[in-house]
Amino acid sequence: MFGKLIKNEFKSTAHSVMYIYLAAVITIAMMLLSYSVKLKWISTLSTVALMLISVIAVIITLVAVISGFYKSLYGAQGYLSFTLPVKSGELLASKALVSFVWILLSYIIAVSIWIGIYFYAAAKIGQDRITAIKELMKAFQGIPGEKAIKQMLIFLGIMVFVQITVLISQIYFSITLANTRVFQKYGMITALFIFFAVYIVMQILAMLLTTYVPVTLSATQDGLAVSFSNNMMSMDGIAFGLTGTVFQILAAAGLFTATSYLMKHKINVK
């Protein structure tokens, strides 16, 4: 049943985000065509359009995630969703997983577009990218070694996964709490206030934990190493706070648990 929930969720949300990706594909095709026939004004417009699309794709995806979650659970489809023979946790998990995939895809597309634009521009001006990068690296002392850079990229990838998960947990909790009997009379603007309140509190707590429990992951010449310092920049390299990240993971788990509980016991479907 969980697999069917995921399948139906993908079908119901795909139409909300696929058009922006289709626009990106068309714009890329126009840019490549203009490059081959040497039409500078079209390539310039296409490049600007791609930059805008990369930002719009993320925004539209977030809007689709928010509106889809609200409409399917607390809007006109709410009664149907809550009468399905599934647990509230499974219903929540299916929506969270699909939202995660869409948001991650929008991030990947946005980053890919900017990287593609960079290489496109570099090719147009004839820049020797490898030489420029090497010269830039020589300008910095204590830059992490190749092993540390690879490990750092993996860690940054994990951080992206964590931040998307935290964002979804905050959005879902805020919308769900706003639809309980206590807050529902104030309208959906309550969800916005709850979201910012939760976001700010979590950021403050993460910052305090990072400061007073300074467990960090340092990138050095020999690779990543755990240290006990709240200094994010040092002579050895760059450090990432682990305490705040662990707190955010636990807080996201708590928010999902609270959301599931509210869905099961406290929700007031219109």
Protein backbone atom coordinates (compact mmCIF):
# COMPACT_ATOMS: atom_id res chain seq x y z
CA MET A 1 0.00 0.00 0.00
CA PHE A 2 2.89 2.33 0.77
CA GLY A 3 4.23 1.85 -2.75
CA LYS A 4 0.83 2.75 -4.20
CA LEU A 5 0.76 5.90 -2.08
CA ILE A 6 4.13 6.97 -3.47
CA LYS A 7 3.08 6.17 -7.05
CA ASN A 8 -0.15 8.17 -6.77
CA GLU A 9 1.67 11.03 -5.06
CA PHE A 10 4.15 11.26 -7.95
CA LYS A 11 1.28 11.27 -10.45
CA SER A 12 -0.65 13.97 -8.62
CA THR A 13 2.35 16.30 -8.19
CA ALA A 14 4.19 15.76 -11.49
CA HIS A 15 2.06 18.16 -13.50
CA SER A 16 2.84 20.99 -11.07
CA VAL A 17 6.60 20.88 -11.66
CA MET A 18 7.17 19.29 -15.05
CA TYR A 19 6.33 22.40 -17.08
CA ILE A 20 9.21 24.37 -15.63
CA TYR A 21 11.61 21.52 -16.47
CA LEU A 22 10.20 21.39 -19.98
CA ALA A 23 10.84 25.13 -20.30
CA ALA A 24 14.44 24.56 -19.20
CA VAL A 25 14.95 21.85 -21.84
CA ILE A 26 13.52 24.09 -24.59
CA THR A 27 15.69 27.01 -23.49
CA ILE A 28 18.82 24.84 -23.47
CA ALA A 29 17.98 23.61 -26.97
CA MET A 30 17.59 27.23 -28.15
CA MET A 31 20.92 28.17 -26.60
CA LEU A 32 22.73 25.25 -28.24
CA LEU A 33 21.10 26.06 -31.56
CA SER A 34 22.09 29.72 -31.32
CA TYR A 35 25.64 28.66 -30.47
CA SER A 36 25.85 26.47 -33.57
CA VAL A 37 24.50 29.16 -35.92
CA LYS A 38 26.34 31.96 -34.06
CA LEU A 39 23.35 34.13 -33.13
CA LYS A 40 24.69 36.06 -30.15
CA TRP A 41 21.46 37.83 -29.19
CA ILE A 42 19.54 34.55 -28.93
CA SER A 43 22.32 32.90 -26.92
CA THR A 44 22.40 35.89 -24.56
CA LEU A 45 18.64 35.84 -24.04
CA SER A 46 18.68 32.07 -23.59
CA THR A 47 21.42 32.32 -20.99
CA VAL A 48 19.51 34.94 -19.00
CA ALA A 49 16.32 32.87 -19.33
CA LEU A 50 18.12 29.78 -18.03
CA MET A 51 19.41 31.67 -15.01
CA LEU A 52 15.87 32.80 -14.21
CA ILE A 53 14.45 29.32 -14.79
CA SER A 54 16.96 27.80 -12.37
CA VAL A 55 15.65 30.06 -9.60
CA ILE A 56 12.00 29.76 -10.61
CA ALA A 57 12.26 25.94 -10.70
CA VAL A 58 13.18 25.83 -7.01
CA ILE A 59 10.44 28.31 -6.07
CA ILE A 60 7.74 26.53 -8.09
CA THR A 61 8.77 23.18 -6.62
CA LEU A 62 8.48 24.52 -3.07
CA VAL A 63 5.08 26.05 -3.86
CA ALA A 64 3.93 22.75 -5.40
CA VAL A 65 5.09 20.83 -2.32
CA ILE A 66 3.26 23.20 0.03
CA SER A 67 0.04 23.45 -1.97
CA GLY A 68 -0.03 19.71 -2.73
CA PHE A 69 0.35 18.77 0.94
CA TYR A 70 -2.32 21.23 2.03
CA LYS A 71 -4.88 20.42 -0.66
CA SER A 72 -4.53 16.65 -0.39
CA LEU A 73 -4.86 16.55 3.40
CA TYR A 74 -6.59 19.71 4.60
CA GLY A 75 -8.43 20.93 1.53
CA ALA A 76 -11.20 19.43 -0.57
CA GLN A 77 -9.39 16.07 -0.80
CA GLY A 78 -8.78 15.85 2.94
CA TYR A 79 -11.69 13.57 3.82
CA LEU A 80 -10.73 11.13 1.06
CA SER A 81 -7.08 11.05 2.12
CA PHE A 82 -7.84 10.44 5.78
CA THR A 83 -10.32 7.66 4.99
CA LEU A 84 -7.68 5.60 3.17
CA PRO A 85 -6.84 2.31 4.94
CA VAL A 86 -3.33 3.46 5.85
CA LYS A 87 -1.67 4.82 8.96
CA SER A 88 -1.06 8.55 9.27
CA GLY A 89 2.67 7.85 9.41
CA GLU A 90 2.59 6.06 6.05
CA LEU A 91 0.55 8.87 4.51
CA LEU A 92 3.01 11.43 5.82
CA ALA A 93 6.06 9.40 4.78
CA SER A 94 4.84 8.98 1.18
CA LYS A 95 4.26 12.71 0.80
CA ALA A 96 7.57 13.57 2.45
CA LEU A 97 9.51 11.15 0.23
CA VAL A 98 7.95 12.48 -2.99
CA SER A 99 8.48 16.09 -1.88
CA PHE A 100 12.11 15.27 -1.09
CA VAL A 101 12.64 13.87 -4.60
CA TRP A 102 11.09 16.92 -6.30
CA ILE A 103 13.03 19.44 -4.21
CA LEU A 104 16.30 17.55 -4.68
CA LEU A 105 15.65 17.39 -8.43
CA SER A 106 15.02 21.15 -8.56
CA TYR A 107 18.30 21.78 -6.69
CA ILE A 108 20.23 19.48 -9.03
CA ILE A 109 18.76 21.17 -12.10
CA ALA A 110 19.48 24.65 -10.73
CA VAL A 111 23.10 23.80 -9.90
CA SER A 112 23.57 22.00 -13.24
CA ILE A 113 22.25 25.03 -15.12
CA TRP A 114 24.66 27.39 -13.37
CA ILE A 115 27.59 25.04 -13.95
CA GLY A 116 26.57 24.66 -17.59
CA ILE A 117 26.34 28.43 -18.00
CA TYR A 118 29.81 28.82 -16.49
CA PHE A 119 31.39 26.35 -18.92
CA TYR A 120 29.39 27.82 -21.79
CA ALA A 121 30.63 31.33 -20.97
CA ALA A 122 34.19 30.04 -20.46
CA ALA A 123 34.11 28.38 -23.87
CA LYS A 124 32.81 31.56 -25.49
CA ILE A 125 35.62 33.74 -24.10
CA GLY A 126 38.27 31.05 -24.62
CA GLN A 127 39.29 30.84 -20.96
CA ASP A 128 41.79 28.18 -19.98
CA ARG A 129 39.75 26.87 -17.06
CA ILE A 130 42.27 24.34 -15.75
CA THR A 131 45.10 26.89 -15.62
CA ALA A 132 42.86 29.47 -13.98
CA ILE A 133 41.73 27.00 -11.29
CA LYS A 134 45.32 25.95 -10.57
CA GLU A 135 46.44 29.57 -10.24
CA LEU A 136 43.50 30.27 -7.95
CA MET A 137 44.35 27.29 -5.76
CA LYS A 138 47.96 28.51 -5.42
CA ALA A 139 46.66 31.79 -4.02
CA PHE A 140 45.33 30.01 -0.91
CA GLN A 141 47.48 28.57 1.84
CA GLY A 142 46.41 25.49 3.76
CA ILE A 143 43.92 24.40 1.09
CA PRO A 144 42.62 20.86 1.79
CA GLY A 145 44.19 17.97 -0.09
CA GLU A 146 42.49 15.97 -2.83
CA LYS A 147 41.32 13.28 -0.41
CA ALA A 148 39.80 15.89 1.91
CA ILE A 149 38.05 17.62 -1.00
CA LYS A 150 36.42 14.35 -2.12
CA GLN A 151 35.28 13.60 1.43
CA MET A 152 34.09 17.18 1.81
CA LEU A 153 31.95 16.91 -1.32
CA ILE A 154 30.35 13.73 0.06
CA PHE A 155 29.69 15.50 3.34
CA LEU A 156 28.19 18.51 1.55
CA GLY A 157 25.93 16.14 -0.38
CA ILE A 158 24.76 14.63 2.90
CA MET A 159 24.18 18.15 4.24
CA VAL A 160 21.94 18.95 1.27
CA PHE A 161 19.89 15.83 2.02
CA VAL A 162 19.63 16.85 5.67
CA GLN A 163 18.60 20.42 4.91
CA ILE A 164 15.88 19.31 2.47
CA THR A 165 14.55 16.86 5.06
CA VAL A 166 14.56 19.54 7.76
CA LEU A 167 12.76 21.99 5.47
CA ILE A 168 10.04 19.46 4.63
CA SER A 169 9.56 18.59 8.30
CA GLN A 170 9.16 22.28 9.17
CA ILE A 171 6.68 22.91 6.35
CA TYR A 172 4.56 19.85 7.09
CA PHE A 173 4.49 20.49 10.84
CA SER A 174 3.54 24.15 10.35
CA ILE A 175 0.67 23.38 7.95
CA THR A 176 -0.61 20.53 10.13
CA LEU A 177 -0.51 22.51 13.38
CA ALA A 178 -2.27 25.41 11.65
CA ASN A 179 -5.14 23.04 10.81
CA THR A 180 -5.82 21.95 14.37
CA ARG A 181 -8.89 23.30 16.12
CA VAL A 182 -6.94 25.87 18.14
CA PHE A 183 -5.31 27.60 15.15
CA GLN A 184 -7.64 26.84 12.24
CA LYS A 185 -9.94 29.80 12.95
CA TYR A 186 -7.07 32.20 12.25
CA GLY A 187 -6.59 30.93 8.69
CA MET A 188 -3.57 29.59 6.84
CA ILE A 189 -1.51 32.70 7.65
CA THR A 190 -0.96 30.90 10.98
CA ALA A 191 1.12 28.27 9.18
CA LEU A 192 3.50 30.98 7.99
CA PHE A 193 4.01 32.34 11.50
CA ILE A 194 4.48 28.82 12.89
CA PHE A 195 7.02 28.00 10.19
CA PHE A 196 9.16 31.07 10.88
CA ALA A 197 8.89 30.52 14.63
CA VAL A 198 10.05 26.90 14.30
CA TYR A 199 12.79 27.89 11.84
CA ILE A 200 14.17 30.67 14.04
CA VAL A 201 14.08 28.58 17.21
CA MET A 202 15.87 25.69 15.48
CA GLN A 203 18.53 28.01 14.05
CA ILE A 204 19.18 29.60 17.45
CA LEU A 205 19.42 26.22 19.20
CA ALA A 206 21.70 24.83 16.48
CA MET A 207 23.97 27.89 16.76
CA LEU A 208 24.11 27.63 20.57
CA LEU A 209 24.90 23.92 20.45
CA THR A 210 27.61 24.50 17.84
CA THR A 211 29.11 27.22 20.03
CA TYR A 212 28.98 25.49 23.41
CA VAL A 213 29.39 21.89 22.22
CA PRO A 214 31.96 22.53 19.49
CA VAL A 215 32.30 19.19 17.72
CA THR A 216 33.45 19.95 14.19
CA LEU A 217 34.57 18.12 11.06
CA SER A 218 37.79 19.69 9.81
CA ALA A 219 39.08 19.48 6.24
CA THR A 220 42.87 19.19 6.32
CA GLN A 221 45.59 18.11 3.94
CA ASP A 222 45.21 14.50 5.10
CA GLY A 223 41.41 14.32 4.89
CA LEU A 224 38.47 15.00 7.18
CA ALA A 225 39.00 14.76 10.92
CA VAL A 226 36.80 15.32 13.95
CA SER A 227 37.94 18.15 16.22
CA PHE A 228 36.60 20.04 19.21
CA SER A 229 36.67 23.66 18.14
CA ASN A 230 34.00 26.19 17.20
CA ASN A 231 36.35 27.97 14.80
CA MET A 232 35.01 27.38 11.29
CA MET A 233 38.22 28.63 9.69
CA SER A 234 41.68 27.57 10.79
CA MET A 235 45.24 27.27 9.48
CA ASP A 236 44.60 23.62 8.72
CA GLY A 237 41.54 24.19 6.56
CA ILE A 238 37.77 24.53 6.83
CA ALA A 239 35.60 23.05 9.56
CA PHE A 240 31.90 22.15 9.63
CA GLY A 241 29.88 22.11 12.83
CA LEU A 242 28.52 18.64 13.57
CA THR A 243 26.56 19.36 16.74
CA GLY A 244 24.10 21.68 15.05
CA THR A 245 23.64 19.21 12.19
CA VAL A 246 22.91 16.32 14.55
CA PHE A 247 20.43 18.53 16.41
CA GLN A 248 18.64 19.41 13.15
CA ILE A 249 18.35 15.73 12.22
CA LEU A 250 16.86 14.89 15.62
CA ALA A 251 14.58 17.95 15.48
CA ALA A 252 13.34 16.95 12.01
CA ALA A 253 12.55 13.46 13.31
CA GLY A 254 10.68 15.06 16.20
CA LEU A 255 8.72 17.32 13.88
CA PHE A 256 7.71 14.39 11.65
CA THR A 257 6.63 12.44 14.73
CA ALA A 258 4.63 15.40 16.02
CA THR A 259 3.04 15.90 12.59
CA SER A 260 2.00 12.25 12.43
CA TYR A 261 0.49 12.49 15.93
CA LEU A 262 -1.46 15.65 15.05
CA MET A 263 -2.73 14.05 11.84
CA LYS A 264 -3.99 11.05 13.78
CA HIS A 265 -5.42 12.71 16.89
CA LYS A 266 -5.80 16.49 16.57
CA ILE A 267 -6.44 17.36 12.95
CA ASN A 268 -9.60 19.22 12.03
CA VAL A 269 -10.34 18.64 8.34
CA LYS A 270 -12.53 21.27 6.73
